[in-house]
Structure formats: structure tokens, C-alpha cells
Amino acid sequence: MIFDHSPVILMTNVPLPILYQDEHLVVINKPHNLLVHRSPIAAEETVFALQILRDQLNCWVSPCHRIDRKTSGVLVFALSSEVDKEVKKQFETQQVKKKYLALVRGYLPETGTADRPLEKENGGFQDAVTHFRCLQQIELEIEVSRYPTSRYSLAEITPETGRMHQIRRHFAQMRHYLIGDKKYGECKHNKMFEERFGLNTMLLHAGSLTFEHPVTGNTLEVEAPVSSEFLRILDAIGMETGGLF
């Protein structure tokens, strides 16, 4: 089978999936390969979740946090500056509970924790803690590098802190690289998934967020269905796809 490896084109006229909305907040399921907002790191990009959602709702919106361009899943926007400030404070003080789903290289243990400081962009280190649980494992009869077979794990990941690229960096330190991660990942496994399965993104999904509603004080838990691309890859390698958020 021949796959098209050209860049994914995102359309500004396609509405973003809304998971929750009231007069204070809106929560979307961000697609893979979409920037949250304009960034000097990707100056060539012209399509952003902020812009699409603003036009979709026809009102002012502000992202309360960020997830990487190639990460899909739960993304919270505030509809006022006051709400924006309050929700951001919860993220900054580690009050928000997060769960992610990732496909990684190798067999993970049943459960584990990465408790390793991560270097900041401007120097120095920050504490960083990432918990994980292995959901599935599979071995493929596909030779990658010097091994005759290749092994992969599907992980549920719960970051206790929220550092830049924390999950990607912690799993790279453990040599359980995220599949499709071009910056911290393993190029031979990424290439195999591109050539055999047509993968054109990173298999990391922000599956759920739990936080306190900044106005009502109620606990708000929002889950995002796993993307069709993520499910397609899991199905292609023989993993179960039911019950994943």
C-alpha cells in the first residue's frame, strides 16, 4: 500500500469539536497537527485553534493552557479575561488532573513513575513527575534496527507536574520513545510507522482534564474521544481500541 506523506492541510472552515461549553468556558477536542496559537517556532503556520474557535463562536476566546501541535485532545478556552486568569492559576499551581494516552516503544512495566528534573529553556532545572500505567503490549514481526521484532506499549499517563514537553522528555529518558515524536523520539521506529502505516503525526492524546469550575466551584471533568488516526494505528498493529476515553 502506498501512503501520501505530504503535510496535513487543516481547514479553517471546519468547526472544532466542542466537548463542553457554558457562558464562561469552552473545551474542545483539538486535532493532531494544529497549533494552539501563533508561535515564532512555527512562523510559517497560518491556521490556529484560537483563530478557528474565535470565528466559530464569534467571540473573544483565550487558551488557558497549551498542548503540543501534534498532540490531540482536551484544550480549555476562557470566554473572559477573569476566567482565563483563574483557570491558568489552577494549571500553574498543579491543581488540574490530566490523563494522556500514548503509544511508546518497548514493553513498559505495569505501572511506574518518572521522577526526574527537567532543564528549563533559560537554564536551571524544574522538578517533574510523570506517572504511567501500561494498558496493552504488542510484539510485531517487523525488523527495526538490529532486532528481528519490534515491541510497543499503550500507556495511560498522568503527569503530576506540567513542564514543557514533560511526557515526551521523560519517556525519551526511559528509552520508551513516543511513536511519531520527531524531536525526542527514535527515528527508525518513526520511519517504520510512516512507511508501513502512513503515520503523519505523534501518538499522544490528552484524554481528560479535571479541574474546578472558576465560577461555580463545581468539579468539571472533560474527556476527549481518541482521534480516528490514533485508533487506526492501534487497529493496524493489532491492539484493542475499545474503552479508550
C-alpha atoms as a PDB file:
ATOM      1  CA  MET A   1       0.000   0.000   0.000  1.00  0.00           C
ATOM      2  CA  ILE A   2       1.281   3.497  -0.879  1.00  0.00           C
ATOM      3  CA  PHE A   3       0.689   6.305   1.614  1.00  0.00           C
ATOM      4  CA  ASP A   4       0.703  10.033   0.971  1.00  0.00           C
ATOM      5  CA  HIS A   5       3.289  11.583   3.303  1.00  0.00           C
ATOM      6  CA  SER A   6       2.612  15.199   2.313  1.00  0.00           C
ATOM      7  CA  PRO A   7       1.829  17.678   5.123  1.00  0.00           C
ATOM      8  CA  VAL A   8      -1.663  17.580   6.604  1.00  0.00           C
ATOM      9  CA  ILE A   9      -3.773  20.535   5.422  1.00  0.00           C
ATOM     10  CA  LEU A  10      -6.030  21.938   8.137  1.00  0.00           C
ATOM     11  CA  MET A  11      -9.123  23.849   7.040  1.00  0.00           C
ATOM     12  CA  THR A  12     -10.267  26.984   8.849  1.00  0.00           C
ATOM     13  CA  ASN A  13     -13.887  26.437   7.821  1.00  0.00           C
ATOM     14  CA  VAL A  14     -14.182  23.067   9.607  1.00  0.00           C
ATOM     15  CA  PRO A  15     -15.637  23.561  13.119  1.00  0.00           C
ATOM     16  CA  LEU A  16     -13.628  22.308  16.069  1.00  0.00           C
ATOM     17  CA  PRO A  17     -15.357  19.583  18.138  1.00  0.00           C
ATOM     18  CA  ILE A  18     -16.776  21.137  21.319  1.00  0.00           C
ATOM     19  CA  LEU A  19     -16.721  18.888  24.397  1.00  0.00           C
ATOM     20  CA  TYR A  20     -18.149  21.374  26.916  1.00  0.00           C
ATOM     21  CA  GLN A  21     -19.480  24.921  26.735  1.00  0.00           C
ATOM     22  CA  ASP A  22     -21.138  27.431  29.048  1.00  0.00           C
ATOM     23  CA  GLU A  23     -21.059  31.232  29.320  1.00  0.00           C
ATOM     24  CA  HIS A  24     -17.597  31.124  30.924  1.00  0.00           C
ATOM     25  CA  LEU A  25     -15.655  28.299  29.263  1.00  0.00           C
ATOM     26  CA  VAL A  26     -15.468  26.239  26.125  1.00  0.00           C
ATOM     27  CA  VAL A  27     -13.499  22.993  25.871  1.00  0.00           C
ATOM     28  CA  ILE A  28     -12.563  21.490  22.511  1.00  0.00           C
ATOM     29  CA  ASN A  29     -11.033  18.268  21.221  1.00  0.00           C
ATOM     30  CA  LYS A  30      -8.008  19.665  19.385  1.00  0.00           C
ATOM     31  CA  PRO A  31      -6.976  17.691  16.296  1.00  0.00           C
ATOM     32  CA  HIS A  32      -3.433  16.471  15.725  1.00  0.00           C
ATOM     33  CA  ASN A  33      -1.147  18.866  13.798  1.00  0.00           C
ATOM     34  CA  LEU A  34      -2.935  22.069  14.860  1.00  0.00           C
ATOM     35  CA  LEU A  35      -1.135  24.822  16.777  1.00  0.00           C
ATOM     36  CA  VAL A  36      -2.980  26.349  19.716  1.00  0.00           C
ATOM     37  CA  HIS A  37      -1.934  29.879  18.694  1.00  0.00           C
ATOM     38  CA  ARG A  38       0.665  31.728  16.663  1.00  0.00           C
ATOM     39  CA  SER A  39       4.236  30.824  17.564  1.00  0.00           C
ATOM     40  CA  PRO A  40       7.662  32.078  16.409  1.00  0.00           C
ATOM     41  CA  ILE A  41       8.785  28.441  16.427  1.00  0.00           C
ATOM     42  CA  ALA A  42       6.406  27.755  13.514  1.00  0.00           C
ATOM     43  CA  ALA A  43       6.248  31.148  11.819  1.00  0.00           C
ATOM     44  CA  GLU A  44       5.112  29.580   8.543  1.00  0.00           C
ATOM     45  CA  GLU A  45       1.843  28.316  10.041  1.00  0.00           C
ATOM     46  CA  THR A  46      -1.338  30.266   9.311  1.00  0.00           C
ATOM     47  CA  VAL A  47      -4.041  28.114  10.945  1.00  0.00           C
ATOM     48  CA  PHE A  48      -4.519  28.020  14.722  1.00  0.00           C
ATOM     49  CA  ALA A  49      -7.079  26.630  17.149  1.00  0.00           C
ATOM     50  CA  LEU A  50      -7.501  30.100  18.678  1.00  0.00           C
ATOM     51  CA  GLN A  51      -8.403  31.648  15.341  1.00  0.00           C
ATOM     52  CA  ILE A  52     -10.753  28.837  14.289  1.00  0.00           C
ATOM     53  CA  LEU A  53     -12.631  28.802  17.601  1.00  0.00           C
ATOM     54  CA  ARG A  54     -12.908  32.603  17.741  1.00  0.00           C
ATOM     55  CA  ASP A  55     -14.509  32.640  14.297  1.00  0.00           C
ATOM     56  CA  GLN A  56     -16.634  29.592  15.106  1.00  0.00           C
ATOM     57  CA  LEU A  57     -18.126  31.194  18.240  1.00  0.00           C
ATOM     58  CA  ASN A  58     -17.879  34.783  17.012  1.00  0.00           C
ATOM     59  CA  CYS A  59     -16.483  35.981  20.337  1.00  0.00           C
ATOM     60  CA  TRP A  60     -13.262  36.580  22.266  1.00  0.00           C
ATOM     61  CA  VAL A  61     -11.539  33.398  23.459  1.00  0.00           C
ATOM     62  CA  SER A  62      -8.243  32.720  25.201  1.00  0.00           C
ATOM     63  CA  PRO A  63      -6.461  29.370  25.673  1.00  0.00           C
ATOM     64  CA  CYS A  64      -5.983  28.584  29.373  1.00  0.00           C
ATOM     65  CA  HIS A  65      -3.079  26.213  28.671  1.00  0.00           C
ATOM     66  CA  ARG A  66      -1.224  24.677  25.749  1.00  0.00           C
ATOM     67  CA  ILE A  67      -0.745  21.270  24.231  1.00  0.00           C
ATOM     68  CA  ASP A  68       1.764  20.491  21.505  1.00  0.00           C
ATOM     69  CA  ARG A  69       0.828  20.905  17.866  1.00  0.00           C
ATOM     70  CA  LYS A  70       0.938  17.156  17.180  1.00  0.00           C
ATOM     71  CA  THR A  71      -0.894  16.246  20.396  1.00  0.00           C
ATOM     72  CA  SER A  72      -4.660  15.833  20.135  1.00  0.00           C
ATOM     73  CA  GLY A  73      -7.242  16.156  22.868  1.00  0.00           C
ATOM     74  CA  VAL A  74      -8.719  18.337  25.600  1.00  0.00           C
ATOM     75  CA  LEU A  75      -7.999  22.057  25.304  1.00  0.00           C
ATOM     76  CA  VAL A  76      -9.698  24.664  27.528  1.00  0.00           C
ATOM     77  CA  PHE A  77     -10.540  28.216  26.416  1.00  0.00           C
ATOM     78  CA  ALA A  78     -11.849  31.033  28.597  1.00  0.00           C
ATOM     79  CA  LEU A  79     -14.518  33.445  27.389  1.00  0.00           C
ATOM     80  CA  SER A  80     -13.384  36.308  29.638  1.00  0.00           C
ATOM     81  CA  SER A  81     -10.082  37.587  30.995  1.00  0.00           C
ATOM     82  CA  GLU A  82     -11.200  36.960  34.589  1.00  0.00           C
ATOM     83  CA  VAL A  83     -11.973  33.300  33.924  1.00  0.00           C
ATOM     84  CA  ASP A  84      -8.769  32.972  31.912  1.00  0.00           C
ATOM     85  CA  LYS A  85      -6.745  34.188  34.900  1.00  0.00           C
ATOM     86  CA  GLU A  86      -8.460  31.830  37.353  1.00  0.00           C
ATOM     87  CA  VAL A  87      -8.092  28.697  35.212  1.00  0.00           C
ATOM     88  CA  LYS A  88      -4.467  29.470  34.382  1.00  0.00           C
ATOM     89  CA  LYS A  89      -3.785  29.773  38.101  1.00  0.00           C
ATOM     90  CA  GLN A  90      -5.048  26.191  38.576  1.00  0.00           C
ATOM     91  CA  PHE A  91      -2.682  24.944  35.872  1.00  0.00           C
ATOM     92  CA  GLU A  92       0.256  26.892  37.308  1.00  0.00           C
ATOM     93  CA  THR A  93      -0.319  25.515  40.822  1.00  0.00           C
ATOM     94  CA  GLN A  94      -0.694  21.893  39.615  1.00  0.00           C
ATOM     95  CA  GLN A  95      -4.355  21.648  40.651  1.00  0.00           C
ATOM     96  CA  VAL A  96      -5.550  20.266  37.310  1.00  0.00           C
ATOM     97  CA  LYS A  97      -5.655  16.481  36.929  1.00  0.00           C
ATOM     98  CA  LYS A  98      -4.618  15.295  33.470  1.00  0.00           C
ATOM     99  CA  LYS A  99      -4.648  11.941  31.721  1.00  0.00           C
ATOM    100  CA  TYR A 100      -2.958  11.184  28.425  1.00  0.00           C
ATOM    101  CA  LEU A 101      -2.754   8.217  26.090  1.00  0.00           C
ATOM    102  CA  ALA A 102       0.446   7.391  24.197  1.00  0.00           C
ATOM    103  CA  LEU A 103       1.924   4.633  22.066  1.00  0.00           C
ATOM    104  CA  VAL A 104       5.557   4.090  23.013  1.00  0.00           C
ATOM    105  CA  ARG A 105       8.485   1.909  22.012  1.00  0.00           C
ATOM    106  CA  GLY A 106       9.232  -1.194  24.081  1.00  0.00           C
ATOM    107  CA  TYR A 107       7.441  -3.052  26.858  1.00  0.00           C
ATOM    108  CA  LEU A 108       6.538  -0.855  29.809  1.00  0.00           C
ATOM    109  CA  PRO A 109       6.181  -2.262  33.327  1.00  0.00           C
ATOM    110  CA  GLU A 110       2.619  -2.500  34.647  1.00  0.00           C
ATOM    111  CA  THR A 111       2.952   0.834  36.457  1.00  0.00           C
ATOM    112  CA  GLY A 112       5.722   3.308  37.055  1.00  0.00           C
ATOM    113  CA  THR A 113       6.807   6.854  37.808  1.00  0.00           C
ATOM    114  CA  ALA A 114       9.409   9.080  36.191  1.00  0.00           C
ATOM    115  CA  ASP A 115      10.637  11.497  38.861  1.00  0.00           C
ATOM    116  CA  ARG A 116      13.403  13.413  37.134  1.00  0.00           C
ATOM    117  CA  PRO A 117      14.014  17.186  36.991  1.00  0.00           C
ATOM    118  CA  LEU A 118      13.873  18.731  33.522  1.00  0.00           C
ATOM    119  CA  GLU A 119      16.026  21.580  32.292  1.00  0.00           C
ATOM    120  CA  LYS A 120      14.311  24.881  31.581  1.00  0.00           C
ATOM    121  CA  GLU A 121      14.886  26.764  28.322  1.00  0.00           C
ATOM    122  CA  ASN A 122      16.674  29.580  30.169  1.00  0.00           C
ATOM    123  CA  GLY A 123      18.806  27.237  32.284  1.00  0.00           C
ATOM    124  CA  GLY A 124      18.297  25.631  35.662  1.00  0.00           C
ATOM    125  CA  PHE A 125      16.059  22.683  36.436  1.00  0.00           C
ATOM    126  CA  GLN A 126      12.444  22.135  37.480  1.00  0.00           C
ATOM    127  CA  ASP A 127      11.006  19.193  39.375  1.00  0.00           C
ATOM    128  CA  ALA A 128       8.971  16.963  37.059  1.00  0.00           C
ATOM    129  CA  VAL A 129       6.933  13.870  37.932  1.00  0.00           C
ATOM    130  CA  THR A 130       5.087  11.613  35.478  1.00  0.00           C
ATOM    131  CA  HIS A 131       3.068   8.530  36.459  1.00  0.00           C
ATOM    132  CA  PHE A 132       2.059   5.865  33.947  1.00  0.00           C
ATOM    133  CA  ARG A 133       0.105   2.638  33.642  1.00  0.00           C
ATOM    134  CA  CYS A 134       0.617   0.112  30.848  1.00  0.00           C
ATOM    135  CA  LEU A 135      -2.691  -0.733  29.167  1.00  0.00           C
ATOM    136  CA  GLN A 136      -1.546  -3.045  26.366  1.00  0.00           C
ATOM    137  CA  GLN A 137       1.600  -4.537  24.872  1.00  0.00           C
ATOM    138  CA  ILE A 138       2.248  -5.996  21.449  1.00  0.00           C
ATOM    139  CA  GLU A 139       5.153  -7.517  19.535  1.00  0.00           C
ATOM    140  CA  LEU A 140       5.249  -7.121  15.753  1.00  0.00           C
ATOM    141  CA  GLU A 141       7.106  -9.390  13.362  1.00  0.00           C
ATOM    142  CA  ILE A 142       8.789  -6.346  11.874  1.00  0.00           C
ATOM    143  CA  GLU A 143      12.538  -5.812  11.978  1.00  0.00           C
ATOM    144  CA  VAL A 144      13.565  -2.393  13.242  1.00  0.00           C
ATOM    145  CA  SER A 145      17.231  -1.577  13.781  1.00  0.00           C
ATOM    146  CA  ARG A 146      19.131  -4.718  14.867  1.00  0.00           C
ATOM    147  CA  TYR A 147      16.145  -6.574  16.335  1.00  0.00           C
ATOM    148  CA  PRO A 148      14.045  -9.100  14.337  1.00  0.00           C
ATOM    149  CA  THR A 149      10.817  -7.949  16.026  1.00  0.00           C
ATOM    150  CA  SER A 150       9.532  -4.677  17.473  1.00  0.00           C
ATOM    151  CA  ARG A 151       7.641  -4.160  20.729  1.00  0.00           C
ATOM    152  CA  TYR A 152       5.227  -1.413  21.709  1.00  0.00           C
ATOM    153  CA  SER A 153       3.117  -0.399  24.701  1.00  0.00           C
ATOM    154  CA  LEU A 154      -0.036   1.650  25.026  1.00  0.00           C
ATOM    155  CA  ALA A 155       0.234   3.823  28.131  1.00  0.00           C
ATOM    156  CA  GLU A 156      -2.147   5.869  30.238  1.00  0.00           C
ATOM    157  CA  ILE A 157      -0.060   8.759  31.533  1.00  0.00           C
ATOM    158  CA  THR A 158      -0.777  11.075  34.456  1.00  0.00           C
ATOM    159  CA  PRO A 159       1.649  13.992  34.736  1.00  0.00           C
ATOM    160  CA  GLU A 160       1.826  15.359  38.274  1.00  0.00           C
ATOM    161  CA  THR A 161       3.629  18.494  37.097  1.00  0.00           C
ATOM    162  CA  GLY A 162       3.237  20.414  33.854  1.00  0.00           C
ATOM    163  CA  ARG A 163       6.652  21.118  32.363  1.00  0.00           C
ATOM    164  CA  MET A 164       7.341  21.805  28.706  1.00  0.00           C
ATOM    165  CA  HIS A 165       7.284  18.546  26.701  1.00  0.00           C
ATOM    166  CA  GLN A 166       7.343  16.702  30.023  1.00  0.00           C
ATOM    167  CA  ILE A 167       5.794  13.420  28.865  1.00  0.00           C
ATOM    168  CA  ARG A 168       7.881  13.286  25.702  1.00  0.00           C
ATOM    169  CA  ARG A 169      11.123  14.041  27.542  1.00  0.00           C
ATOM    170  CA  HIS A 170      10.512  11.658  30.441  1.00  0.00           C
ATOM    171  CA  PHE A 171       9.661   8.755  28.137  1.00  0.00           C
ATOM    172  CA  ALA A 172      12.693   9.532  25.975  1.00  0.00           C
ATOM    173  CA  GLN A 173      14.868   9.398  29.111  1.00  0.00           C
ATOM    174  CA  MET A 174      13.429   5.937  29.821  1.00  0.00           C
ATOM    175  CA  ARG A 175      14.072   4.950  26.163  1.00  0.00           C
ATOM    176  CA  HIS A 176      10.351   4.332  25.704  1.00  0.00           C
ATOM    177  CA  TYR A 177      10.121   6.893  22.920  1.00  0.00           C
ATOM    178  CA  LEU A 178       6.721   8.157  21.795  1.00  0.00           C
ATOM    179  CA  ILE A 179       5.837   6.971  18.313  1.00  0.00           C
ATOM    180  CA  GLY A 180       5.802   9.865  15.861  1.00  0.00           C
ATOM    181  CA  ASP A 181       7.811  12.197  18.103  1.00  0.00           C
ATOM    182  CA  LYS A 182      10.290  13.805  15.710  1.00  0.00           C
ATOM    183  CA  LYS A 183      12.153  15.828  18.357  1.00  0.00           C
ATOM    184  CA  TYR A 184      12.666  13.364  21.222  1.00  0.00           C
ATOM    185  CA  GLY A 185      11.674  10.093  19.552  1.00  0.00           C
ATOM    186  CA  GLU A 186      13.538   7.312  17.778  1.00  0.00           C
ATOM    187  CA  CYS A 187      13.845   7.903  14.035  1.00  0.00           C
ATOM    188  CA  LYS A 188      13.915   4.241  12.916  1.00  0.00           C
ATOM    189  CA  HIS A 189      10.637   3.381  14.648  1.00  0.00           C
ATOM    190  CA  ASN A 190       9.061   6.605  13.391  1.00  0.00           C
ATOM    191  CA  LYS A 191      10.147   5.777   9.855  1.00  0.00           C
ATOM    192  CA  MET A 192       8.680   2.277  10.093  1.00  0.00           C
ATOM    193  CA  PHE A 193       5.294   3.649  11.175  1.00  0.00           C
ATOM    194  CA  GLU A 194       5.383   6.230   8.393  1.00  0.00           C
ATOM    195  CA  GLU A 195       6.256   3.728   5.675  1.00  0.00           C
ATOM    196  CA  ARG A 196       4.130   0.771   6.787  1.00  0.00           C
ATOM    197  CA  PHE A 197       1.124   2.522   8.305  1.00  0.00           C
ATOM    198  CA  GLY A 198       1.143   6.027   6.833  1.00  0.00           C
ATOM    199  CA  LEU A 199       1.505   7.745  10.202  1.00  0.00           C
ATOM    200  CA  ASN A 200       1.860  11.507   9.850  1.00  0.00           C
ATOM    201  CA  THR A 201       1.610  12.713  13.448  1.00  0.00           C
ATOM    202  CA  MET A 202       2.592  11.891  17.039  1.00  0.00           C
ATOM    203  CA  LEU A 203       0.589   9.321  19.005  1.00  0.00           C
ATOM    204  CA  LEU A 204      -0.061  11.378  22.123  1.00  0.00           C
ATOM    205  CA  HIS A 205      -3.623  12.248  23.150  1.00  0.00           C
ATOM    206  CA  ALA A 206      -4.801  14.469  26.011  1.00  0.00           C
ATOM    207  CA  GLY A 207      -7.698  12.272  27.066  1.00  0.00           C
ATOM    208  CA  SER A 208      -9.123  14.052  30.098  1.00  0.00           C
ATOM    209  CA  LEU A 209      -8.869  17.093  32.352  1.00  0.00           C
ATOM    210  CA  THR A 210     -10.401  17.544  35.797  1.00  0.00           C
ATOM    211  CA  PHE A 211     -10.450  20.976  37.427  1.00  0.00           C
ATOM    212  CA  GLU A 212     -12.600  23.318  39.487  1.00  0.00           C
ATOM    213  CA  HIS A 213     -15.001  25.482  37.509  1.00  0.00           C
ATOM    214  CA  PRO A 214     -13.737  29.031  38.168  1.00  0.00           C
ATOM    215  CA  VAL A 215     -17.245  30.472  38.631  1.00  0.00           C
ATOM    216  CA  THR A 216     -19.468  27.709  40.053  1.00  0.00           C
ATOM    217  CA  GLY A 217     -16.788  25.931  42.080  1.00  0.00           C
ATOM    218  CA  ASN A 218     -18.034  22.561  40.821  1.00  0.00           C
ATOM    219  CA  THR A 219     -15.606  19.858  39.737  1.00  0.00           C
ATOM    220  CA  LEU A 220     -15.515  19.729  35.955  1.00  0.00           C
ATOM    221  CA  GLU A 221     -14.217  16.583  34.240  1.00  0.00           C
ATOM    222  CA  VAL A 222     -13.990  16.609  30.458  1.00  0.00           C
ATOM    223  CA  GLU A 223     -12.972  13.649  28.288  1.00  0.00           C
ATOM    224  CA  ALA A 224     -11.965  13.750  24.631  1.00  0.00           C
ATOM    225  CA  PRO A 225     -12.555  10.796  22.304  1.00  0.00           C
ATOM    226  CA  VAL A 226      -9.356   9.399  20.821  1.00  0.00           C
ATOM    227  CA  SER A 227      -8.693  10.599  17.278  1.00  0.00           C
ATOM    228  CA  SER A 228      -9.552   8.386  14.328  1.00  0.00           C
ATOM    229  CA  GLU A 229      -5.886   8.436  13.276  1.00  0.00           C
ATOM    230  CA  PHE A 230      -4.716   7.142  16.662  1.00  0.00           C
ATOM    231  CA  LEU A 231      -7.389   4.415  16.603  1.00  0.00           C
ATOM    232  CA  ARG A 232      -6.460   3.492  13.023  1.00  0.00           C
ATOM    233  CA  ILE A 233      -2.846   2.886  14.011  1.00  0.00           C
ATOM    234  CA  LEU A 234      -3.800   0.858  17.091  1.00  0.00           C
ATOM    235  CA  ASP A 235      -6.094  -1.299  14.982  1.00  0.00           C
ATOM    236  CA  ALA A 236      -3.421  -1.720  12.301  1.00  0.00           C
ATOM    237  CA  ILE A 237      -0.896  -3.128  14.795  1.00  0.00           C
ATOM    238  CA  GLY A 238      -3.451  -5.390  16.475  1.00  0.00           C
ATOM    239  CA  MET A 239      -4.242  -3.507  19.678  1.00  0.00           C
ATOM    240  CA  GLU A 240      -7.699  -3.194  21.220  1.00  0.00           C
ATOM    241  CA  THR A 241      -9.392   0.157  20.626  1.00  0.00           C
ATOM    242  CA  GLY A 242     -12.415  -0.040  22.940  1.00  0.00           C
ATOM    243  CA  GLY A 243     -12.773   1.898  26.178  1.00  0.00           C
ATOM    244  CA  LEU A 244     -10.072   4.489  25.464  1.00  0.00           C
ATOM    245  CA  PHE A 245     -11.737   7.679  26.738  1.00  0.00           C
END
